[in-house]
Amino acid sequence: MEDKRSPADRVGRFGAGPTLLAAFGRTEDAAAALGELLDAGFINVEQEVEGGRTVLVLDAGDQQKRAREILTAHGGLEFDSPS
């Protein structure tokens, strides 16, 4: 039997890889991290503003180490995604 659901339905909202979340206190830092992530080829990135902080959510795929390096370089504080 063929699975007729879309790939997003089968694997979740952000794709097949591990989802990383990082908070930034300054919008400028989040924007710089977002730009670098996109330049590095990360295409499943979402930016949300929650109160006074900006949160980046991304599907890191098999590039978790590189994604974490970028987030950290711009002052992002990573936290676990909700289960």
PDB file of N, CA and C in Angstrom:
ATOM      1  N   MET A   1       0.843  -1.177   0.000  1.00  0.00           N
ATOM      2  CA  MET A   1       0.000   0.000   0.000  1.00  0.00           C
ATOM      3  C   MET A   1       0.888   1.239   0.000  1.00  0.00           C
ATOM      4  N   GLU A   2       0.512   2.220  -0.781  1.00  0.00           N
ATOM      5  CA  GLU A   2       1.295   3.441  -0.917  1.00  0.00           C
ATOM      6  C   GLU A   2       0.843   4.472   0.114  1.00  0.00           C
ATOM      7  N   ASP A   3       1.805   5.141   0.748  1.00  0.00           N
ATOM      8  CA  ASP A   3       1.506   6.192   1.710  1.00  0.00           C
ATOM      9  C   ASP A   3       1.236   7.477   0.933  1.00  0.00           C
ATOM     10  N   LYS A   4       0.006   7.978   0.985  1.00  0.00           N
ATOM     11  CA  LYS A   4      -0.370   9.138   0.185  1.00  0.00           C
ATOM     12  C   LYS A   4      -0.189  10.453   0.924  1.00  0.00           C
ATOM     13  N   ARG A   5       0.286  10.418   2.161  1.00  0.00           N
ATOM     14  CA  ARG A   5       0.528  11.657   2.881  1.00  0.00           C
ATOM     15  C   ARG A   5       1.755  12.350   2.298  1.00  0.00           C
ATOM     16  N   SER A   6       1.805  13.650   2.428  1.00  0.00           N
ATOM     17  CA  SER A   6       2.968  14.395   1.949  1.00  0.00           C
ATOM     18  C   SER A   6       4.156  14.090   2.849  1.00  0.00           C
ATOM     19  N   PRO A   7       5.374  14.322   2.370  1.00  0.00           N
ATOM     20  CA  PRO A   7       6.548  14.100   3.220  1.00  0.00           C
ATOM     21  C   PRO A   7       6.472  14.870   4.528  1.00  0.00           C
ATOM     22  N   ALA A   8       5.951  16.093   4.510  1.00  0.00           N
ATOM     23  CA  ALA A   8       5.845  16.874   5.744  1.00  0.00           C
ATOM     24  C   ALA A   8       4.907  16.210   6.741  1.00  0.00           C
ATOM     25  N   ASP A   9       3.826  15.593   6.262  1.00  0.00           N
ATOM     26  CA  ASP A   9       2.905  14.899   7.151  1.00  0.00           C
ATOM     27  C   ASP A   9       3.557  13.674   7.777  1.00  0.00           C
ATOM     28  N   ARG A  10       4.403  12.997   7.021  1.00  0.00           N
ATOM     29  CA  ARG A  10       5.033  11.777   7.513  1.00  0.00           C
ATOM     30  C   ARG A  10       6.119  12.058   8.530  1.00  0.00           C
ATOM     31  N   VAL A  11       6.859  13.150   8.373  1.00  0.00           N
ATOM     32  CA  VAL A  11       8.038  13.355   9.210  1.00  0.00           C
ATOM     33  C   VAL A  11       7.910  14.508  10.174  1.00  0.00           C
ATOM     34  N   GLY A  12       6.870  15.289  10.118  1.00  0.00           N
ATOM     35  CA  GLY A  12       6.709  16.389  11.043  1.00  0.00           C
ATOM     36  C   GLY A  12       6.844  17.739  10.366  1.00  0.00           C
ATOM     37  N   ARG A  13       6.659  18.755  11.136  1.00  0.00           N
ATOM     38  CA  ARG A  13       6.563  20.112  10.616  1.00  0.00           C
ATOM     39  C   ARG A  13       7.838  20.621   9.968  1.00  0.00           C
ATOM     40  N   PHE A  14       9.001  20.272  10.476  1.00  0.00           N
ATOM     41  CA  PHE A  14      10.237  20.890  10.014  1.00  0.00           C
ATOM     42  C   PHE A  14      11.100  19.984   9.159  1.00  0.00           C
ATOM     43  N   GLY A  15      10.673  18.796   8.872  1.00  0.00           N
ATOM     44  CA  GLY A  15      11.459  17.912   8.020  1.00  0.00           C
ATOM     45  C   GLY A  15      11.922  16.674   8.747  1.00  0.00           C
ATOM     46  N   ALA A  16      12.786  15.935   8.079  1.00  0.00           N
ATOM     47  CA  ALA A  16      13.166  14.619   8.567  1.00  0.00           C
ATOM     48  C   ALA A  16      14.266  14.641   9.612  1.00  0.00           C
ATOM     49  N   GLY A  17      15.045  15.679   9.666  1.00  0.00           N
ATOM     50  CA  GLY A  17      16.184  15.715  10.581  1.00  0.00           C
ATOM     51  C   GLY A  17      15.809  16.201  11.964  1.00  0.00           C
ATOM     52  N   PRO A  18      16.806  16.205  12.855  1.00  0.00           N
ATOM     53  CA  PRO A  18      16.578  16.713  14.206  1.00  0.00           C
ATOM     54  C   PRO A  18      16.242  18.200  14.161  1.00  0.00           C
ATOM     55  N   THR A  19      15.312  18.619  14.993  1.00  0.00           N
ATOM     56  CA  THR A  19      14.930  20.022  15.066  1.00  0.00           C
ATOM     57  C   THR A  19      15.715  20.691  16.173  1.00  0.00           C
ATOM     58  N   LEU A  20      16.356  21.802  15.851  1.00  0.00           N
ATOM     59  CA  LEU A  20      17.087  22.594  16.830  1.00  0.00           C
ATOM     60  C   LEU A  20      16.334  23.894  17.060  1.00  0.00           C
ATOM     61  N   LEU A  21      16.322  24.350  18.300  1.00  0.00           N
ATOM     62  CA  LEU A  21      15.709  25.620  18.652  1.00  0.00           C
ATOM     63  C   LEU A  21      16.736  26.447  19.404  1.00  0.00           C
ATOM     64  N   ALA A  22      16.844  27.732  19.066  1.00  0.00           N
ATOM     65  CA  ALA A  22      17.773  28.617  19.762  1.00  0.00           C
ATOM     66  C   ALA A  22      17.125  29.980  19.932  1.00  0.00           C
ATOM     67  N   ALA A  23      17.294  30.562  21.116  1.00  0.00           N
ATOM     68  CA  ALA A  23      16.728  31.865  21.427  1.00  0.00           C
ATOM     69  C   ALA A  23      17.823  32.928  21.377  1.00  0.00           C
ATOM     70  N   PHE A  24      17.431  34.108  20.913  1.00  0.00           N
ATOM     71  CA  PHE A  24      18.334  35.241  20.816  1.00  0.00           C
ATOM     72  C   PHE A  24      17.700  36.430  21.525  1.00  0.00           C
ATOM     73  N   GLY A  25      18.490  37.152  22.300  1.00  0.00           N
ATOM     74  CA  GLY A  25      17.992  38.333  22.999  1.00  0.00           C
ATOM     75  C   GLY A  25      17.910  39.550  22.098  1.00  0.00           C
ATOM     76  N   ARG A  26      18.702  39.560  21.044  1.00  0.00           N
ATOM     77  CA  ARG A  26      18.714  40.696  20.114  1.00  0.00           C
ATOM     78  C   ARG A  26      18.276  40.240  18.727  1.00  0.00           C
ATOM     79  N   THR A  27      17.363  40.980  18.156  1.00  0.00           N
ATOM     80  CA  THR A  27      16.847  40.661  16.823  1.00  0.00           C
ATOM     81  C   THR A  27      17.968  40.651  15.784  1.00  0.00           C
ATOM     82  N   GLU A  28      18.924  41.568  15.933  1.00  0.00           N
ATOM     83  CA  GLU A  28      20.030  41.659  14.979  1.00  0.00           C
ATOM     84  C   GLU A  28      20.864  40.379  14.971  1.00  0.00           C
ATOM     85  N   ASP A  29      21.081  39.800  16.142  1.00  0.00           N
ATOM     86  CA  ASP A  29      21.853  38.552  16.227  1.00  0.00           C
ATOM     87  C   ASP A  29      21.101  37.399  15.566  1.00  0.00           C
ATOM     88  N   ALA A  30      19.789  37.345  15.797  1.00  0.00           N
ATOM     89  CA  ALA A  30      18.973  36.295  15.173  1.00  0.00           C
ATOM     90  C   ALA A  30      18.987  36.448  13.657  1.00  0.00           C
ATOM     91  N   ALA A  31      18.905  37.691  13.179  1.00  0.00           N
ATOM     92  CA  ALA A  31      18.917  37.937  11.732  1.00  0.00           C
ATOM     93  C   ALA A  31      20.244  37.520  11.120  1.00  0.00           C
ATOM     94  N   ALA A  32      21.348  37.798  11.819  1.00  0.00           N
ATOM     95  CA  ALA A  32      22.674  37.402  11.318  1.00  0.00           C
ATOM     96  C   ALA A  32      22.798  35.881  11.275  1.00  0.00           C
ATOM     97  N   ALA A  33      22.317  35.206  12.325  1.00  0.00           N
ATOM     98  CA  ALA A  33      22.355  33.740  12.353  1.00  0.00           C
ATOM     99  C   ALA A  33      21.485  33.162  11.250  1.00  0.00           C
ATOM    100  N   LEU A  34      20.302  33.730  11.061  1.00  0.00           N
ATOM    101  CA  LEU A  34      19.394  33.265  10.009  1.00  0.00           C
ATOM    102  C   LEU A  34      20.052  33.399   8.644  1.00  0.00           C
ATOM    103  N   GLY A  35      20.665  34.531   8.383  1.00  0.00           N
ATOM    104  CA  GLY A  35      21.346  34.736   7.105  1.00  0.00           C
ATOM    105  C   GLY A  35      22.455  33.736   6.878  1.00  0.00           C
ATOM    106  N   GLU A  36      23.248  33.491   7.920  1.00  0.00           N
ATOM    107  CA  GLU A  36      24.354  32.533   7.777  1.00  0.00           C
ATOM    108  C   GLU A  36      23.840  31.105   7.590  1.00  0.00           C
ATOM    109  N   LEU A  37      22.776  30.752   8.299  1.00  0.00           N
ATOM    110  CA  LEU A  37      22.190  29.421   8.131  1.00  0.00           C
ATOM    111  C   LEU A  37      21.701  29.223   6.697  1.00  0.00           C
ATOM    112  N   LEU A  38      21.026  30.226   6.163  1.00  0.00           N
ATOM    113  CA  LEU A  38      20.528  30.130   4.785  1.00  0.00           C
ATOM    114  C   LEU A  38      21.687  30.057   3.792  1.00  0.00           C
ATOM    115  N   ASP A  39      22.718  30.860   4.021  1.00  0.00           N
ATOM    116  CA  ASP A  39      23.898  30.831   3.148  1.00  0.00           C
ATOM    117  C   ASP A  39      24.597  29.478   3.194  1.00  0.00           C
ATOM    118  N   ALA A  40      24.520  28.807   4.358  1.00  0.00           N
ATOM    119  CA  ALA A  40      25.169  27.509   4.529  1.00  0.00           C
ATOM    120  C   ALA A  40      24.333  26.366   3.949  1.00  0.00           C
ATOM    121  N   GLY A  41      23.139  26.688   3.447  1.00  0.00           N
ATOM    122  CA  GLY A  41      22.317  25.663   2.807  1.00  0.00           C
ATOM    123  C   GLY A  41      21.187  25.105   3.648  1.00  0.00           C
ATOM    124  N   PHE A  42      20.979  25.626   4.844  1.00  0.00           N
ATOM    125  CA  PHE A  42      19.846  25.181   5.661  1.00  0.00           C
ATOM    126  C   PHE A  42      18.602  25.856   5.117  1.00  0.00           C
ATOM    127  N   ILE A  43      17.647  25.053   4.642  1.00  0.00           N
ATOM    128  CA  ILE A  43      16.470  25.641   4.010  1.00  0.00           C
ATOM    129  C   ILE A  43      15.224  25.566   4.880  1.00  0.00           C
ATOM    130  N   ASN A  44      15.212  24.697   5.848  1.00  0.00           N
ATOM    131  CA  ASN A  44      14.052  24.559   6.726  1.00  0.00           C
ATOM    132  C   ASN A  44      14.319  25.319   8.022  1.00  0.00           C
ATOM    133  N   VAL A  45      14.216  26.648   7.935  1.00  0.00           N
ATOM    134  CA  VAL A  45      14.471  27.515   9.086  1.00  0.00           C
ATOM    135  C   VAL A  45      13.249  28.400   9.291  1.00  0.00           C
ATOM    136  N   GLU A  46      12.827  28.521  10.523  1.00  0.00           N
ATOM    137  CA  GLU A  46      11.685  29.366  10.851  1.00  0.00           C
ATOM    138  C   GLU A  46      12.096  30.322  11.956  1.00  0.00           C
ATOM    139  N   GLN A  47      11.640  31.553  11.862  1.00  0.00           N
ATOM    140  CA  GLN A  47      11.932  32.561  12.874  1.00  0.00           C
ATOM    141  C   GLN A  47      10.629  32.978  13.529  1.00  0.00           C
ATOM    142  N   GLU A  48      10.633  33.001  14.862  1.00  0.00           N
ATOM    143  CA  GLU A  48       9.447  33.413  15.611  1.00  0.00           C
ATOM    144  C   GLU A  48       9.871  34.406  16.673  1.00  0.00           C
ATOM    145  N   VAL A  49       9.019  35.378  16.950  1.00  0.00           N
ATOM    146  CA  VAL A  49       9.289  36.347  18.013  1.00  0.00           C
ATOM    147  C   VAL A  49       8.370  36.021  19.171  1.00  0.00           C
ATOM    148  N   GLU A  50       8.983  35.818  20.337  1.00  0.00           N
ATOM    149  CA  GLU A  50       8.232  35.490  21.547  1.00  0.00           C
ATOM    150  C   GLU A  50       8.645  36.470  22.630  1.00  0.00           C
ATOM    151  N   GLY A  51       7.761  37.388  22.945  1.00  0.00           N
ATOM    152  CA  GLY A  51       8.099  38.398  23.940  1.00  0.00           C
ATOM    153  C   GLY A  51       9.266  39.232  23.459  1.00  0.00           C
ATOM    154  N   GLY A  52      10.324  39.318  24.255  1.00  0.00           N
ATOM    155  CA  GLY A  52      11.487  40.112  23.896  1.00  0.00           C
ATOM    156  C   GLY A  52      12.592  39.324  23.244  1.00  0.00           C
ATOM    157  N   ARG A  53      12.321  38.098  22.846  1.00  0.00           N
ATOM    158  CA  ARG A  53      13.376  37.301  22.217  1.00  0.00           C
ATOM    159  C   ARG A  53      12.905  36.730  20.887  1.00  0.00           C
ATOM    160  N   THR A  54      13.889  36.409  20.079  1.00  0.00           N
ATOM    161  CA  THR A  54      13.624  35.796  18.782  1.00  0.00           C
ATOM    162  C   THR A  54      14.095  34.354  18.848  1.00  0.00           C
ATOM    163  N   VAL A  55      13.287  33.455  18.346  1.00  0.00           N
ATOM    164  CA  VAL A  55      13.623  32.038  18.352  1.00  0.00           C
ATOM    165  C   VAL A  55      13.772  31.561  16.910  1.00  0.00           C
ATOM    166  N   LEU A  56      14.876  30.876  16.639  1.00  0.00           N
ATOM    167  CA  LEU A  56      15.077  30.227  15.352  1.00  0.00           C
ATOM    168  C   LEU A  56      14.849  28.735  15.542  1.00  0.00           C
ATOM    169  N   VAL A  57      14.086  28.143  14.640  1.00  0.00           N
ATOM    170  CA  VAL A  57      13.790  26.715  14.652  1.00  0.00           C
ATOM    171  C   VAL A  57      14.251  26.182  13.312  1.00  0.00           C
ATOM    172  N   LEU A  58      15.073  25.131  13.335  1.00  0.00           N
ATOM    173  CA  LEU A  58      15.552  24.614  12.065  1.00  0.00           C
ATOM    174  C   LEU A  58      15.703  23.111  12.071  1.00  0.00           C
ATOM    175  N   ASP A  59      15.540  22.557  10.887  1.00  0.00           N
ATOM    176  CA  ASP A  59      15.789  21.142  10.638  1.00  0.00           C
ATOM    177  C   ASP A  59      17.266  21.060  10.280  1.00  0.00           C
ATOM    178  N   ALA A  60      18.060  20.506  11.180  1.00  0.00           N
ATOM    179  CA  ALA A  60      19.510  20.468  10.979  1.00  0.00           C
ATOM    180  C   ALA A  60      19.960  19.289  10.132  1.00  0.00           C
ATOM    181  N   GLY A  61      19.080  18.317   9.925  1.00  0.00           N
ATOM    182  CA  GLY A  61      19.474  17.154   9.136  1.00  0.00           C
ATOM    183  C   GLY A  61      20.724  16.515   9.710  1.00  0.00           C
ATOM    184  N   ASP A  62      21.659  16.172   8.836  1.00  0.00           N
ATOM    185  CA  ASP A  62      22.903  15.565   9.304  1.00  0.00           C
ATOM    186  C   ASP A  62      23.988  16.615   9.553  1.00  0.00           C
ATOM    187  N   GLN A  63      23.601  17.880   9.612  1.00  0.00           N
ATOM    188  CA  GLN A  63      24.540  18.979   9.828  1.00  0.00           C
ATOM    189  C   GLN A  63      24.325  19.663  11.184  1.00  0.00           C
ATOM    190  N   GLN A  64      24.005  18.867  12.209  1.00  0.00           N
ATOM    191  CA  GLN A  64      23.743  19.429  13.536  1.00  0.00           C
ATOM    192  C   GLN A  64      24.921  20.218  14.077  1.00  0.00           C
ATOM    193  N   LYS A  65      26.121  19.686  13.917  1.00  0.00           N
ATOM    194  CA  LYS A  65      27.305  20.356  14.455  1.00  0.00           C
ATOM    195  C   LYS A  65      27.474  21.732  13.817  1.00  0.00           C
ATOM    196  N   ARG A  66      27.368  21.808  12.496  1.00  0.00           N
ATOM    197  CA  ARG A  66      27.522  23.093  11.799  1.00  0.00           C
ATOM    198  C   ARG A  66      26.422  24.067  12.203  1.00  0.00           C
ATOM    199  N   ALA A  67      25.196  23.602  12.319  1.00  0.00           N
ATOM    200  CA  ALA A  67      24.089  24.471  12.730  1.00  0.00           C
ATOM    201  C   ALA A  67      24.341  25.028  14.130  1.00  0.00           C
ATOM    202  N   ARG A  68      24.784  24.182  15.040  1.00  0.00           N
ATOM    203  CA  ARG A  68      25.066  24.631  16.411  1.00  0.00           C
ATOM    204  C   ARG A  68      26.200  25.659  16.427  1.00  0.00           C
ATOM    205  N   GLU A  69      27.205  25.454  15.601  1.00  0.00           N
ATOM    206  CA  GLU A  69      28.307  26.418  15.525  1.00  0.00           C
ATOM    207  C   GLU A  69      27.799  27.788  15.101  1.00  0.00           C
ATOM    208  N   ILE A  70      26.931  27.817  14.119  1.00  0.00           N
ATOM    209  CA  ILE A  70      26.380  29.086  13.627  1.00  0.00           C
ATOM    210  C   ILE A  70      25.518  29.736  14.698  1.00  0.00           C
ATOM    211  N   LEU A  71      24.642  28.963  15.314  1.00  0.00           N
ATOM    212  CA  LEU A  71      23.768  29.515  16.353  1.00  0.00           C
ATOM    213  C   LEU A  71      24.581  30.084  17.508  1.00  0.00           C
ATOM    214  N   THR A  72      25.586  29.354  17.944  1.00  0.00           N
ATOM    215  CA  THR A  72      26.423  29.786  19.059  1.00  0.00           C
ATOM    216  C   THR A  72      27.244  31.019  18.707  1.00  0.00           C
ATOM    217  N   ALA A  73      27.773  31.061  17.488  1.00  0.00           N
ATOM    218  CA  ALA A  73      28.603  32.188  17.053  1.00  0.00           C
ATOM    219  C   ALA A  73      27.838  33.513  17.101  1.00  0.00           C
ATOM    220  N   HIS A  74      26.528  33.448  16.992  1.00  0.00           N
ATOM    221  CA  HIS A  74      25.709  34.662  16.994  1.00  0.00           C
ATOM    222  C   HIS A  74      24.975  34.873  18.320  1.00  0.00           C
ATOM    223  N   GLY A  75      25.365  34.112  19.338  1.00  0.00           N
ATOM    224  CA  GLY A  75      24.796  34.311  20.658  1.00  0.00           C
ATOM    225  C   GLY A  75      23.504  33.569  20.933  1.00  0.00           C
ATOM    226  N   GLY A  76      23.165  32.608  20.098  1.00  0.00           N
ATOM    227  CA  GLY A  76      21.938  31.840  20.305  1.00  0.00           C
ATOM    228  C   GLY A  76      22.091  30.861  21.457  1.00  0.00           C
ATOM    229  N   LEU A  77      21.063  30.773  22.270  1.00  0.00           N
ATOM    230  CA  LEU A  77      21.038  29.808  23.373  1.00  0.00           C
ATOM    231  C   LEU A  77      20.101  28.689  22.978  1.00  0.00           C
ATOM    232  N   GLU A  78      20.679  27.528  22.727  1.00  0.00           N
ATOM    233  CA  GLU A  78      19.894  26.386  22.270  1.00  0.00           C
ATOM    234  C   GLU A  78      19.088  25.795  23.418  1.00  0.00           C
ATOM    235  N   PHE A  79      17.888  25.359  23.104  1.00  0.00           N
ATOM    236  CA  PHE A  79      17.083  24.637  24.093  1.00  0.00           C
ATOM    237  C   PHE A  79      16.377  23.495  23.391  1.00  0.00           C
ATOM    238  N   ASP A  80      15.965  22.510  24.161  1.00  0.00           N
ATOM    239  CA  ASP A  80      15.326  21.312  23.620  1.00  0.00           C
ATOM    240  C   ASP A  80      13.942  21.628  23.100  1.00  0.00           C
ATOM    241  N   SER A  81      13.612  20.967  22.001  1.00  0.00           N
ATOM    242  CA  SER A  81      12.260  21.122  21.468  1.00  0.00           C
ATOM    243  C   SER A  81      11.295  20.364  22.354  1.00  0.00           C
ATOM    244  N   PRO A  82      10.052  20.839  22.445  1.00  0.00           N
ATOM    245  CA  PRO A  82       9.065  20.118  23.272  1.00  0.00           C
ATOM    246  C   PRO A  82       8.763  18.755  22.671  1.00  0.00           C
ATOM    247  N   SER A  83       8.508  17.796  23.535  1.00  0.00           N
ATOM    248  CA  SER A  83       8.194  16.430  23.086  1.00  0.00           C
ATOM    249  C   SER A  83       6.761  16.321  22.662  1.00  0.00           C
TER     250      SER A  83
END
